[in-house]
C-alpha cells in the first residue's frame, strides 16, 4: 500500500485525515496526519502518527502509541520538516 503526502484517508471511525508528512524507519512507513472538518475545508487540532499494518489481506492504519515510541518517531518528522 502506497500512501502519499496530501492524500486523504478515512479511519475506521469514519474520521478523515490529510497526510502531511511521511518518513521511513526500519522499513516501516510512518505518516503524520491531521484531521479534516466534515466539509474538508479546514483542519482540526487533532494530529496523529500512524503506520500501515496488513491483516488478513486488508491494510489498516494503526496509531503510534506509547511515550517511548512517540519519542523515537516524532523527532524524525520534525527533522524532516526542517530540511
Protein backbone atom coordinates (compact mmCIF):
# COMPACT_ATOMS: atom_id res chain seq x y z
CA UNK A 1 0.00 0.00 0.00
CA UNK A 2 1.40 3.34 -1.01
CA UNK A 3 0.01 6.46 0.67
CA UNK A 4 1.30 9.82 -0.50
CA UNK A 5 1.51 13.25 1.12
CA UNK A 6 -1.64 15.35 0.52
CA UNK A 7 -3.85 12.25 0.17
CA UNK A 8 -6.94 11.98 2.36
CA UNK A 9 -7.51 8.77 4.29
CA UNK A 10 -10.53 7.59 6.26
CA UNK A 11 -10.17 5.79 9.55
CA UNK A 12 -12.48 3.02 10.72
CA UNK A 13 -14.45 5.56 12.78
CA UNK A 14 -15.13 7.50 9.51
CA UNK A 15 -12.91 10.46 10.50
CA UNK A 16 -10.94 11.80 7.56
CA UNK A 17 -7.31 12.84 7.78
CA UNK A 18 -4.89 14.61 5.48
CA UNK A 19 -1.42 13.08 5.13
CA UNK A 20 1.01 15.93 5.81
CA UNK A 21 4.32 14.08 6.06
CA UNK A 22 5.86 10.64 5.61
CA UNK A 23 9.08 9.05 6.86
CA UNK A 24 10.57 5.57 6.73
CA UNK A 25 12.29 3.99 9.71
CA UNK A 26 13.39 0.36 9.88
CA UNK A 27 11.50 -0.47 6.64
CA UNK A 28 8.23 0.88 8.06
CA UNK A 29 6.46 3.95 6.66
CA UNK A 30 5.10 6.36 9.24
CA UNK A 31 2.63 9.11 8.40
CA UNK A 32 1.93 12.38 10.18
CA UNK A 33 -1.78 13.11 9.71
CA UNK A 34 -4.21 15.85 10.67
CA UNK A 35 -7.98 15.57 10.99
CA UNK A 36 -10.17 17.42 8.48
CA UNK A 37 -13.50 19.04 9.25
CA UNK A 38 -16.64 17.49 7.71
CA UNK A 39 -16.58 19.86 4.76
CA UNK A 40 -12.88 19.08 4.12
CA UNK A 41 -12.20 22.83 4.01
CA UNK A 42 -10.12 23.17 7.16
CA UNK A 43 -8.12 21.15 9.63
CA UNK A 44 -8.89 20.41 13.25
CA UNK A 45 -6.34 20.49 16.04
CA UNK A 46 -6.05 16.70 16.03
CA UNK A 47 -2.75 15.25 14.82
CA UNK A 48 -1.62 11.61 14.82
CA UNK A 49 1.29 9.48 13.75
CA UNK A 50 0.20 6.25 12.09
CA UNK A 51 1.66 3.30 10.24
CA UNK A 52 0.14 0.72 7.91
CA UNK A 53 -0.44 -2.83 9.10
CA UNK A 54 -1.56 -5.65 6.82
CA UNK A 55 -4.05 -8.03 8.41
CA UNK A 56 -5.89 -10.78 6.55
CA UNK A 57 -5.22 -9.11 3.20
CA UNK A 58 -6.50 -5.71 4.36
CA UNK A 59 -4.46 -2.61 5.09
CA UNK A 60 -5.18 -0.87 8.36
CA UNK A 61 -3.79 2.41 9.70
CA UNK A 62 -2.60 1.98 13.27
CA UNK A 63 -1.83 4.89 15.55
CA UNK A 64 1.64 5.03 17.11
CA UNK A 65 1.04 4.88 20.85
CA UNK A 66 3.26 4.93 23.88
CA UNK A 67 5.57 7.64 25.09
CA UNK A 68 8.78 5.80 24.19
CA UNK A 69 7.72 5.04 20.62
CA UNK A 70 6.48 8.60 20.09
CA UNK A 71 9.78 9.99 21.43
CA UNK A 72 11.55 7.83 18.85
CA UNK A 73 9.37 8.70 15.84
CA UNK A 74 8.21 12.32 16.35
CA UNK A 75 11.70 13.91 16.11
CA UNK A 76 12.15 12.29 12.69
CA UNK A 77 9.18 14.28 11.39
CA UNK A 78 10.49 17.49 12.96
CA UNK A 79 13.89 16.96 11.33
CA UNK A 80 12.20 16.17 8.02
CA UNK A 81 10.26 19.47 8.13
CA UNK A 82 13.45 21.46 8.79
CA UNK A 83 15.17 20.04 5.69
